[in-house]
């Protein structure tokens, strides 16, 4: 992805980067060569899709949906964090 002149990225770039990073993180977590390839493909496909609908980020309905998706991702992250805390307490 080309670097913009400023450090500030637009929402579509952030969206693409998020999926690319997510795919890479999952591949590293599961450390399975076949899964790594699929996760990489997923990340690349999602990144390409983000570029296609970049203009939709201006729509209020789309903003609302992304806020909902962000909340779901945050809840997932909290759940994973709590799961690790509980596992440590049991050990």
C-alpha atoms as a PDB file:
ATOM      1  CA  UNK A   1       0.000   0.000   0.000  1.00  0.00           C
ATOM      2  CA  UNK A   2       1.543   3.346  -0.946  1.00  0.00           C
ATOM      3  CA  UNK A   3       2.376   5.692   1.920  1.00  0.00           C
ATOM      4  CA  UNK A   4       0.398   8.914   1.974  1.00  0.00           C
ATOM      5  CA  UNK A   5       2.200  12.222   2.359  1.00  0.00           C
ATOM      6  CA  UNK A   6       0.809  12.662   5.876  1.00  0.00           C
ATOM      7  CA  UNK A   7       0.660  10.139   8.697  1.00  0.00           C
ATOM      8  CA  UNK A   8      -3.131  10.317   8.745  1.00  0.00           C
ATOM      9  CA  UNK A   9      -4.793   7.474   6.832  1.00  0.00           C
ATOM     10  CA  UNK A  10      -8.279   7.558   5.428  1.00  0.00           C
ATOM     11  CA  UNK A  11     -10.898   5.096   6.694  1.00  0.00           C
ATOM     12  CA  UNK A  12     -10.583   2.770   3.709  1.00  0.00           C
ATOM     13  CA  UNK A  13      -6.824   2.446   4.242  1.00  0.00           C
ATOM     14  CA  UNK A  14      -7.359   1.733   7.934  1.00  0.00           C
ATOM     15  CA  UNK A  15     -10.077  -0.783   7.074  1.00  0.00           C
ATOM     16  CA  UNK A  16      -7.846  -2.569   4.594  1.00  0.00           C
ATOM     17  CA  UNK A  17      -4.934  -2.589   7.021  1.00  0.00           C
ATOM     18  CA  UNK A  18      -7.163  -3.955   9.804  1.00  0.00           C
ATOM     19  CA  UNK A  19      -8.205  -6.991   7.754  1.00  0.00           C
ATOM     20  CA  UNK A  20      -4.695  -7.588   6.519  1.00  0.00           C
ATOM     21  CA  UNK A  21      -3.381  -7.477  10.106  1.00  0.00           C
ATOM     22  CA  UNK A  22      -6.240  -9.640  11.347  1.00  0.00           C
ATOM     23  CA  UNK A  23      -5.490 -12.321   8.755  1.00  0.00           C
ATOM     24  CA  UNK A  24      -1.792 -12.255   9.610  1.00  0.00           C
ATOM     25  CA  UNK A  25      -2.476 -12.461  13.343  1.00  0.00           C
ATOM     26  CA  UNK A  26      -4.774 -15.455  12.930  1.00  0.00           C
ATOM     27  CA  UNK A  27      -2.220 -17.203  10.765  1.00  0.00           C
ATOM     28  CA  UNK A  28       0.434 -16.711  13.444  1.00  0.00           C
ATOM     29  CA  UNK A  29      -1.878 -17.844  16.232  1.00  0.00           C
ATOM     30  CA  UNK A  30      -2.750 -21.130  14.578  1.00  0.00           C
ATOM     31  CA  UNK A  31       0.651 -21.628  12.923  1.00  0.00           C
ATOM     32  CA  UNK A  32      -0.746 -23.891  10.206  1.00  0.00           C
ATOM     33  CA  UNK A  33       0.720 -23.487   6.684  1.00  0.00           C
ATOM     34  CA  UNK A  34      -2.628 -24.067   4.956  1.00  0.00           C
ATOM     35  CA  UNK A  35      -4.412 -21.686   7.317  1.00  0.00           C
ATOM     36  CA  UNK A  36      -1.669 -19.086   6.871  1.00  0.00           C
ATOM     37  CA  UNK A  37      -2.261 -19.079   3.126  1.00  0.00           C
ATOM     38  CA  UNK A  38      -6.038 -18.811   3.547  1.00  0.00           C
ATOM     39  CA  UNK A  39      -5.675 -16.023   6.122  1.00  0.00           C
ATOM     40  CA  UNK A  40      -3.328 -14.160   3.797  1.00  0.00           C
ATOM     41  CA  UNK A  41      -5.812 -14.493   0.926  1.00  0.00           C
ATOM     42  CA  UNK A  42      -8.622 -13.312   3.223  1.00  0.00           C
ATOM     43  CA  UNK A  43      -6.630 -10.265   4.278  1.00  0.00           C
ATOM     44  CA  UNK A  44      -5.715  -9.375   0.714  1.00  0.00           C
ATOM     45  CA  UNK A  45      -9.283  -9.833  -0.546  1.00  0.00           C
ATOM     46  CA  UNK A  46     -10.709  -7.725   2.275  1.00  0.00           C
ATOM     47  CA  UNK A  47      -8.097  -5.042   1.656  1.00  0.00           C
ATOM     48  CA  UNK A  48      -8.987  -4.942  -2.039  1.00  0.00           C
ATOM     49  CA  UNK A  49     -12.697  -4.748  -1.190  1.00  0.00           C
ATOM     50  CA  UNK A  50     -12.068  -1.823   1.137  1.00  0.00           C
ATOM     51  CA  UNK A  51     -10.587   0.142  -1.733  1.00  0.00           C
ATOM     52  CA  UNK A  52     -13.653  -0.538  -3.889  1.00  0.00           C
ATOM     53  CA  UNK A  53     -16.184   0.895  -1.473  1.00  0.00           C
ATOM     54  CA  UNK A  54     -14.074   3.668   0.043  1.00  0.00           C
ATOM     55  CA  UNK A  55     -16.632   6.326  -0.920  1.00  0.00           C
ATOM     56  CA  UNK A  56     -19.310   4.594   1.151  1.00  0.00           C
ATOM     57  CA  UNK A  57     -17.455   5.524   4.343  1.00  0.00           C
ATOM     58  CA  UNK A  58     -19.080   8.963   4.021  1.00  0.00           C
ATOM     59  CA  UNK A  59     -22.637   7.597   4.279  1.00  0.00           C
ATOM     60  CA  UNK A  60     -24.249   7.931   7.723  1.00  0.00           C
ATOM     61  CA  UNK A  61     -25.762   4.441   7.524  1.00  0.00           C
ATOM     62  CA  UNK A  62     -22.349   2.953   6.759  1.00  0.00           C
ATOM     63  CA  UNK A  63     -20.781   4.892   9.632  1.00  0.00           C
ATOM     64  CA  UNK A  64     -23.421   3.469  11.952  1.00  0.00           C
ATOM     65  CA  UNK A  65     -22.756  -0.080  10.753  1.00  0.00           C
ATOM     66  CA  UNK A  66     -19.021   0.352  11.262  1.00  0.00           C
ATOM     67  CA  UNK A  67     -19.592   1.644  14.792  1.00  0.00           C
ATOM     68  CA  UNK A  68     -21.607  -1.521  15.438  1.00  0.00           C
ATOM     69  CA  UNK A  69     -18.860  -3.664  13.924  1.00  0.00           C
ATOM     70  CA  UNK A  70     -16.290  -1.832  16.044  1.00  0.00           C
ATOM     71  CA  UNK A  71     -18.287  -2.519  19.191  1.00  0.00           C
ATOM     72  CA  UNK A  72     -18.549  -6.202  18.259  1.00  0.00           C
ATOM     73  CA  UNK A  73     -14.791  -6.378  17.669  1.00  0.00           C
ATOM     74  CA  UNK A  74     -14.170  -4.658  20.991  1.00  0.00           C
ATOM     75  CA  UNK A  75     -16.438  -7.115  22.796  1.00  0.00           C
ATOM     76  CA  UNK A  76     -14.643 -10.022  21.121  1.00  0.00           C
ATOM     77  CA  UNK A  77     -11.297  -8.633  22.265  1.00  0.00           C
ATOM     78  CA  UNK A  78     -12.560  -8.216  25.824  1.00  0.00           C
ATOM     79  CA  UNK A  79     -13.897 -11.776  25.787  1.00  0.00           C
ATOM     80  CA  UNK A  80     -10.556 -13.175  24.666  1.00  0.00           C
ATOM     81  CA  UNK A  81      -8.743 -11.113  27.295  1.00  0.00           C
ATOM     82  CA  UNK A  82     -11.081 -12.332  30.045  1.00  0.00           C
ATOM     83  CA  UNK A  83     -10.679 -15.905  28.869  1.00  0.00           C
ATOM     84  CA  UNK A  84      -6.908 -15.641  29.298  1.00  0.00           C
ATOM     85  CA  UNK A  85      -7.314 -14.036  32.743  1.00  0.00           C
ATOM     86  CA  UNK A  86      -9.598 -16.857  33.887  1.00  0.00           C
ATOM     87  CA  UNK A  87      -7.184 -19.463  32.572  1.00  0.00           C
ATOM     88  CA  UNK A  88      -4.297 -17.857  34.500  1.00  0.00           C
ATOM     89  CA  UNK A  89      -6.357 -17.809  37.711  1.00  0.00           C
ATOM     90  CA  UNK A  90      -7.021 -21.544  37.385  1.00  0.00           C
ATOM     91  CA  UNK A  91      -3.334 -22.295  36.905  1.00  0.00           C
END
